[in-house]
Amino acid sequence: TSQKRSAGLLQRTIAKKRT
């Protein structure tokens, strides 16, 4: 599903912002 891919991308963006 695209939802799982979107969730992974969103989490990656948040992790980058946290760094």
Protein backbone atom coordinates (compact mmCIF):
# COMPACT_ATOMS: atom_id res chain seq x y z
CA THR A 1 0.00 0.00 0.00
CA SER A 2 1.07 3.57 -0.58
CA GLN A 3 0.16 4.43 3.00
CA LYS A 4 3.05 2.38 4.37
CA ARG A 5 5.45 4.13 1.99
CA SER A 6 4.11 7.56 2.96
CA ALA A 7 4.51 6.75 6.65
CA GLY A 8 8.13 5.69 6.10
CA LEU A 9 8.89 8.85 4.17
CA LEU A 10 7.29 11.03 6.81
CA GLN A 11 9.23 9.35 9.60
CA ARG A 12 12.45 9.86 7.66
CA THR A 13 11.71 13.58 7.27
CA ILE A 14 11.02 13.93 10.99
CA ALA A 15 14.23 12.08 11.85
CA LYS A 16 16.21 14.44 9.61
CA LYS A 17 14.64 17.47 11.27
CA ARG A 18 15.48 16.05 14.71
CA THR A 19 19.14 15.61 13.83
